[in-house]
Amino acid sequence: MNAQRGFGLLVLSTMAALAACGGTDVTDFQYGASQPGAALPEGGEIRHENVRFLGQPVQTWTMVYQYTGPTLAQTAPFAVPEDGGHGKWGNCVDERGTAATGSPTWPLSRITGATYLDLPKVELTGPGITGTLNITKSNPPNTTGNSTLRTYGFTYGGGAPNPTGTGPLGFNGTLTGAMSTAGGDYTLDIGKKDKAGNITPMTFHVPEAYTAPLGIGGAATVMIPAGKDLTYTWTTPANDFGKTGKEHTKNTYFNLTFFADPTTGVGQFFCFPDTEGHQTVPAAVIDQLPAGGLMVNANLTHYMEAREANPGEMRRFDLVAIYCNISAYSKQ
């Protein structure tokens, strides 16, 4: 079986990619196929997250931005395991890079040469939100990504996590966990034209709740034995691959584990499941991790819309919703 991810329908001959899509037995799964923005250069996103962070109360992290500037060639590729998951890192992808360049793949690589755009409005509706949530432009400018390690010229909403407190900083600190309800459908309106030339809102879906493995998301540090494979399991929610069983819909979720070094602001490794609800992080990856850092296990939905940036210029607008669990780890 194989999967196809990203621009140019890059073929993955690996069960790992299918497992990352919830483990469904599908053929020729096309990541983003037929989505309005799939062939367009990056140009903005909403990143709406329901977060369990270091044992703190459940949080909502949301941020929105749009930009113009970089060419299609500067659009970051998606993470793909080397040699169909049979390379040095197994089903993991090496995301290490310098502070100047950042990690090599979306959504971690640096955005360069961008001009960030003021938006006519940024309004969000959905479960847990009374009426309409006006996501305001950050002042002073927020340049920190919720969970991307990217930096931005400015965002609407956003705010850094707060490891020593009980909730995030900035605009995110004004939100409740219910505003990103698991399994909820949300609507975003930025007042920009779609491909048909109409100003229309965009809808997206927050993944269903699940219990993360290894207690990730709790207050306890995850202990990782050095020098050996790290294997763990969990129960996966039902996934949605459309009527044909091989469609990337707004409700299709993808599971990943991510290791990050918060002291450098650079990612370490993305890892994808080898089978449904089963992850093996190879010893080769464990050996390369810093002695301590952050470990994320998450389900995310990703739908690529298209919205006008400058007049007459269509760019990809990513609708990203995440059921996210984050803990500290320590390598023993």
Protein backbone atom coordinates (compact mmCIF):
# COMPACT_ATOMS: atom_id res chain seq x y z
CA MET A 1 0.00 0.00 0.00
CA ASN A 2 1.17 3.55 -0.46
CA ALA A 3 0.21 7.06 0.40
CA GLN A 4 0.64 10.33 -1.38
CA ARG A 5 1.41 13.45 0.60
CA GLY A 6 2.04 17.06 -0.19
CA PHE A 7 2.68 19.02 -3.35
CA GLY A 8 3.31 16.99 -6.47
CA LEU A 9 1.56 13.98 -4.85
CA LEU A 10 4.80 12.66 -3.38
CA VAL A 11 4.38 8.88 -3.10
CA LEU A 12 5.10 7.15 0.23
CA SER A 13 5.38 3.38 -0.07
CA THR A 14 4.94 2.87 3.65
CA MET A 15 2.35 1.60 6.07
CA ALA A 16 3.61 4.21 8.50
CA ALA A 17 2.02 7.03 6.55
CA LEU A 18 -1.30 5.20 6.49
CA ALA A 19 -1.03 4.53 10.20
CA ALA A 20 -0.44 8.24 10.71
CA CYS A 21 -3.77 8.65 8.98
CA GLY A 22 -5.45 6.49 11.59
CA GLY A 23 -4.33 3.09 10.35
CA THR A 24 -7.01 2.61 7.71
CA ASP A 25 -6.16 0.16 4.91
CA VAL A 26 -6.35 2.49 1.92
CA THR A 27 -4.50 2.72 -1.37
CA ASP A 28 -3.32 5.82 -3.18
CA PHE A 29 -4.34 8.11 -0.35
CA GLN A 30 -3.66 11.63 -1.57
CA TYR A 31 -2.76 14.22 1.04
CA GLY A 32 -4.74 17.34 0.25
CA ALA A 33 -6.04 16.05 -3.09
CA SER A 34 -8.63 18.37 -4.65
CA GLN A 35 -8.41 20.84 -1.76
CA PRO A 36 -8.61 24.46 -3.00
CA GLY A 37 -5.18 25.55 -1.77
CA ALA A 38 -3.19 22.34 -2.29
CA ALA A 39 -1.21 23.64 -5.28
CA LEU A 40 -0.77 27.21 -4.03
CA PRO A 41 2.14 28.75 -2.11
CA GLU A 42 1.81 29.09 1.63
CA GLY A 43 0.09 32.25 2.73
CA GLY A 44 -1.42 31.94 6.18
CA GLU A 45 -3.35 29.79 8.60
CA ILE A 46 -5.49 29.40 11.62
CA ARG A 47 -3.99 27.06 14.22
CA HIS A 48 -6.71 26.20 16.71
CA GLU A 49 -5.65 23.84 19.49
CA ASN A 50 -7.20 22.04 22.44
CA VAL A 51 -4.19 21.56 24.70
CA ARG A 52 -3.11 19.57 27.74
CA PHE A 53 0.20 21.21 28.73
CA LEU A 54 2.37 20.02 31.62
CA GLY A 55 -0.67 19.08 33.68
CA GLN A 56 -2.20 22.56 33.55
CA PRO A 57 -5.97 22.98 33.02
CA VAL A 58 -7.13 22.30 29.46
CA GLN A 59 -6.34 25.31 27.27
CA THR A 60 -7.30 26.78 23.91
CA TRP A 61 -4.51 28.17 21.78
CA THR A 62 -5.57 30.02 18.64
CA MET A 63 -3.71 32.22 16.20
CA VAL A 64 -4.36 33.54 12.70
CA TYR A 65 -2.12 35.23 10.17
CA GLN A 66 -1.90 35.89 6.44
CA TYR A 67 1.06 37.06 4.39
CA THR A 68 2.35 37.69 0.92
CA GLY A 69 5.88 37.62 -0.43
CA PRO A 70 7.64 34.27 -0.69
CA THR A 71 7.39 32.35 -3.93
CA LEU A 72 6.09 28.84 -4.36
CA ALA A 73 9.67 27.56 -4.25
CA GLN A 74 9.91 28.75 -0.65
CA THR A 75 6.85 26.80 0.47
CA ALA A 76 7.93 24.29 3.09
CA PRO A 77 7.57 20.58 2.26
CA PHE A 78 5.62 18.19 4.46
CA ALA A 79 7.48 15.73 6.69
CA VAL A 80 7.98 12.35 4.99
CA PRO A 81 9.87 9.40 6.55
CA GLU A 82 12.99 8.51 4.58
CA ASP A 83 12.92 5.39 2.39
CA GLY A 84 9.31 4.65 3.22
CA GLY A 85 10.09 4.34 6.93
CA HIS A 86 13.07 2.01 6.36
CA GLY A 87 15.78 4.64 6.66
CA LYS A 88 18.06 5.48 9.56
CA TRP A 89 15.31 7.18 11.57
CA GLY A 90 12.53 4.66 10.86
CA ASN A 91 9.14 6.39 10.78
CA CYS A 92 10.67 9.56 12.22
CA VAL A 93 11.82 12.65 10.33
CA ASP A 94 14.90 14.62 11.38
CA GLU A 95 13.77 18.20 12.07
CA ARG A 96 17.02 19.51 13.52
CA GLY A 97 18.30 22.75 12.08
CA THR A 98 20.01 25.96 13.02
CA ALA A 99 18.31 28.81 14.84
CA ALA A 100 18.62 30.82 11.62
CA THR A 101 17.00 28.29 9.28
CA GLY A 102 14.74 26.38 11.66
CA SER A 103 13.59 22.87 10.92
CA PRO A 104 13.32 21.76 7.29
CA THR A 105 9.60 20.95 6.98
CA TRP A 106 6.16 22.49 7.49
CA PRO A 107 5.10 23.87 9.92
CA LEU A 108 8.50 24.40 11.54
CA SER A 109 10.68 25.90 8.81
CA ARG A 110 11.24 29.65 8.92
CA ILE A 111 9.03 31.96 6.85
CA THR A 112 11.37 34.38 5.09
CA GLY A 113 10.67 37.50 3.04
CA ALA A 114 7.03 37.68 4.11
CA THR A 115 4.89 40.79 4.41
CA TYR A 116 2.18 40.14 6.99
CA LEU A 117 -1.24 41.50 6.12
CA ASP A 118 -3.87 43.36 8.11
CA LEU A 119 -7.15 41.52 7.79
CA PRO A 120 -10.64 43.04 7.42
CA LYS A 121 -11.80 40.88 10.33
CA VAL A 122 -10.92 37.68 12.17
CA GLU A 123 -14.07 36.11 13.59
CA LEU A 124 -14.48 32.60 14.95
CA THR A 125 -17.69 30.77 15.82
CA GLY A 126 -18.32 27.28 17.15
CA PRO A 127 -18.80 25.17 20.29
CA GLY A 128 -17.87 26.88 23.55
CA ILE A 129 -17.96 30.34 21.97
CA THR A 130 -20.88 32.61 22.84
CA GLY A 131 -21.84 34.42 19.67
CA THR A 132 -18.67 35.38 17.78
CA LEU A 133 -15.10 35.47 19.07
CA ASN A 134 -13.25 38.48 17.68
CA ILE A 135 -9.62 37.41 17.41
CA THR A 136 -7.72 40.65 17.77
CA LYS A 137 -4.40 41.70 16.29
CA SER A 138 -1.72 41.34 18.92
CA ASN A 139 -0.37 44.55 20.44
CA PRO A 140 2.53 44.51 21.05
CA PRO A 141 2.97 42.15 18.11
CA ASN A 142 2.90 38.45 18.92
CA THR A 143 5.72 36.78 16.99
CA THR A 144 5.58 33.36 18.69
CA GLY A 145 3.83 30.36 17.20
CA ASN A 146 1.46 28.34 19.37
CA SER A 147 3.24 25.08 18.68
CA THR A 148 5.22 25.57 15.48
CA LEU A 149 8.51 27.07 16.71
CA ARG A 150 8.15 29.53 13.83
CA THR A 151 8.34 33.27 14.32
CA TYR A 152 5.93 35.69 12.68
CA GLY A 153 5.76 39.39 11.85
CA PHE A 154 2.52 39.55 13.82
CA THR A 155 -0.51 37.40 14.43
CA TYR A 156 -4.14 37.76 15.35
CA GLY A 157 -4.52 36.07 18.70
CA GLY A 158 -1.74 33.80 19.91
CA GLY A 159 0.45 33.94 22.96
CA ALA A 160 3.29 31.87 24.34
CA PRO A 161 2.77 28.86 26.62
CA ASN A 162 3.57 29.52 30.28
CA PRO A 163 5.39 26.56 31.88
CA THR A 164 5.34 28.15 35.35
CA GLY A 165 1.71 29.27 35.39
CA THR A 166 -1.75 27.80 34.98
CA GLY A 167 -2.44 29.02 31.45
CA PRO A 168 -0.88 30.60 28.35
CA LEU A 169 0.08 34.23 27.89
CA GLY A 170 -1.35 36.89 25.57
CA PHE A 171 -4.67 36.48 23.80
CA ASN A 172 -4.64 32.74 24.43
CA GLY A 173 -4.75 33.47 28.15
CA THR A 174 -8.23 34.98 27.71
CA LEU A 175 -9.69 31.78 26.23
CA THR A 176 -11.26 28.74 27.87
CA GLY A 177 -10.66 25.10 27.04
CA ALA A 178 -14.27 24.79 25.85
CA MET A 179 -13.53 27.16 22.95
CA SER A 180 -11.71 24.35 21.14
CA THR A 181 -14.10 21.52 21.98
CA ALA A 182 -12.92 18.10 20.78
CA GLY A 183 -15.07 16.89 17.90
CA GLY A 184 -16.38 20.41 17.29
CA ASP A 185 -16.86 22.18 13.96
CA TYR A 186 -15.70 25.80 13.81
CA THR A 187 -16.08 28.62 11.28
CA LEU A 188 -13.47 31.30 10.58
CA ASP A 189 -14.17 34.50 8.64
CA ILE A 190 -11.22 36.70 7.67
CA GLY A 191 -13.16 38.78 5.15
CA LYS A 192 -11.09 37.62 2.17
CA LYS A 193 -12.10 36.30 -1.26
CA ASP A 194 -12.05 32.63 -2.21
CA LYS A 195 -11.13 31.25 -5.64
CA ALA A 196 -14.59 32.11 -6.97
CA GLY A 197 -14.14 35.74 -5.94
CA ASN A 198 -16.62 35.55 -3.08
CA ILE A 199 -15.99 36.56 0.53
CA THR A 200 -16.89 33.38 2.36
CA PRO A 201 -16.08 31.89 5.79
CA MET A 202 -14.02 28.71 6.19
CA THR A 203 -14.94 25.69 8.30
CA PHE A 204 -12.71 23.18 10.08
CA HIS A 205 -12.97 20.32 12.57
CA VAL A 206 -11.20 19.74 15.89
CA PRO A 207 -10.19 16.06 16.29
CA GLU A 208 -12.00 13.84 18.78
CA ALA A 209 -10.64 13.39 22.30
CA TYR A 210 -8.35 10.48 23.14
CA THR A 211 -6.02 9.47 25.96
CA ALA A 212 -2.42 10.12 24.98
CA PRO A 213 0.20 7.42 25.64
CA LEU A 214 2.84 7.60 28.38
CA GLY A 215 0.80 10.18 30.30
CA ILE A 216 1.80 12.86 27.79
CA GLY A 217 0.01 16.08 28.67
CA GLY A 218 0.25 15.47 32.40
CA ALA A 219 2.46 17.10 34.99
CA ALA A 220 4.81 14.13 35.39
CA THR A 221 7.98 14.05 33.32
CA VAL A 222 8.01 11.25 30.73
CA MET A 223 11.06 9.07 31.39
CA ILE A 224 12.73 7.78 28.23
CA PRO A 225 15.34 4.98 28.55
CA ALA A 226 18.49 5.79 26.59
CA GLY A 227 20.02 3.47 24.03
CA LYS A 228 16.90 1.49 23.11
CA ASP A 229 13.72 1.74 21.07
CA LEU A 230 10.82 3.54 22.75
CA THR A 231 7.53 1.72 22.07
CA TYR A 232 4.07 2.78 23.25
CA THR A 233 0.42 2.24 22.36
CA TRP A 234 -2.90 4.05 22.69
CA THR A 235 -6.53 3.71 21.61
CA THR A 236 -7.30 5.72 18.48
CA PRO A 237 -10.59 7.52 17.76
CA ALA A 238 -12.49 6.61 14.60
CA ASN A 239 -11.15 8.41 11.53
CA ASP A 240 -12.87 9.79 8.43
CA PHE A 241 -11.60 9.02 4.92
CA GLY A 242 -14.77 9.98 3.08
CA LYS A 243 -17.12 7.79 1.05
CA THR A 244 -14.36 6.09 -0.90
CA GLY A 245 -12.21 5.32 2.14
CA LYS A 246 -9.20 7.16 0.69
CA GLU A 247 -10.16 10.84 0.83
CA HIS A 248 -8.49 13.61 2.82
CA THR A 249 -11.56 15.34 4.29
CA LYS A 250 -11.86 18.18 6.76
CA ASN A 251 -12.40 15.52 9.44
CA THR A 252 -9.41 13.32 8.56
CA TYR A 253 -6.89 13.40 11.39
CA PHE A 254 -3.20 12.53 11.50
CA ASN A 255 -1.29 11.38 14.57
CA LEU A 256 2.26 12.40 15.33
CA THR A 257 4.82 12.51 18.10
CA PHE A 258 7.13 15.51 18.16
CA PHE A 259 10.28 16.10 20.19
CA ALA A 260 11.47 19.68 20.73
CA ASP A 261 14.27 21.43 22.57
CA PRO A 262 12.73 24.57 24.10
CA THR A 263 16.18 25.95 24.96
CA THR A 264 17.05 26.36 21.28
CA GLY A 265 13.63 26.89 19.73
CA VAL A 266 14.40 24.24 17.12
CA GLY A 267 12.57 20.97 16.53
CA GLN A 268 14.22 17.58 16.93
CA PHE A 269 12.12 14.81 15.33
CA PHE A 270 8.61 14.17 14.01
CA CYS A 271 7.58 10.52 14.43
CA PHE A 272 4.59 8.80 12.80
CA PRO A 273 2.89 5.58 13.99
CA ASP A 274 4.06 2.29 12.49
CA THR A 275 0.58 0.78 12.92
CA GLU A 276 -2.68 2.16 14.22
CA GLY A 277 -2.22 3.21 17.86
CA HIS A 278 1.33 1.86 17.97
CA GLN A 279 4.54 3.87 17.86
CA THR A 280 8.16 2.78 17.88
CA VAL A 281 10.75 5.54 18.15
CA PRO A 282 14.05 3.93 17.08
CA ALA A 283 17.04 3.91 19.39
CA ALA A 284 18.90 5.90 16.73
CA VAL A 285 16.44 8.78 17.30
CA ILE A 286 16.52 8.44 21.09
CA ASP A 287 20.31 8.63 21.03
CA GLN A 288 20.17 11.98 19.20
CA LEU A 289 17.67 13.65 21.54
CA PRO A 290 18.86 16.17 24.13
CA ALA A 291 18.85 14.89 27.72
CA GLY A 292 15.61 16.77 28.32
CA GLY A 293 12.98 18.64 26.35
CA LEU A 294 9.34 18.56 25.35
CA MET A 295 7.41 15.58 23.97
CA VAL A 296 4.17 16.11 22.07
CA ASN A 297 1.59 13.53 21.03
CA ALA A 298 -1.25 14.94 18.99
CA ASN A 299 -4.00 14.32 16.48
CA LEU A 300 -4.46 17.09 13.93
CA THR A 301 -6.73 17.93 11.05
CA HIS A 302 -5.35 19.95 8.14
CA TYR A 303 -7.37 21.35 5.26
CA MET A 304 -5.83 23.63 2.62
CA GLU A 305 -8.16 26.45 1.67
CA ALA A 306 -7.39 29.29 -0.77
CA ARG A 307 -7.76 32.98 -0.01
CA GLU A 308 -6.75 36.17 -1.76
CA ALA A 309 -3.71 37.81 -0.18
CA ASN A 310 -2.96 40.93 -2.24
CA PRO A 311 -5.58 41.79 -4.90
CA GLY A 312 -5.54 39.08 -7.57
CA GLU A 313 -3.06 36.90 -5.67
CA MET A 314 -4.39 33.57 -4.36
CA ARG A 315 -2.42 31.77 -1.66
CA ARG A 316 -2.88 28.70 0.46
CA PHE A 317 -4.62 29.22 3.79
CA ASP A 318 -4.16 26.30 6.19
CA LEU A 319 -6.97 25.29 8.52
CA VAL A 320 -5.19 23.40 11.29
CA ALA A 321 -6.95 22.06 14.38
CA ILE A 322 -5.12 19.97 16.97
CA TYR A 323 -5.99 17.82 19.98
CA CYS A 324 -2.61 18.32 21.60
CA ASN A 325 -0.78 16.78 24.58
CA ILE A 326 2.57 18.14 25.79
CA SER A 327 4.87 16.97 28.57
CA ALA A 328 8.46 17.37 29.59
CA TYR A 329 10.67 14.34 28.96
CA SER A 330 13.93 13.22 30.51
CA LYS A 331 16.29 10.73 28.91
CA GLN A 332 17.67 8.26 31.45
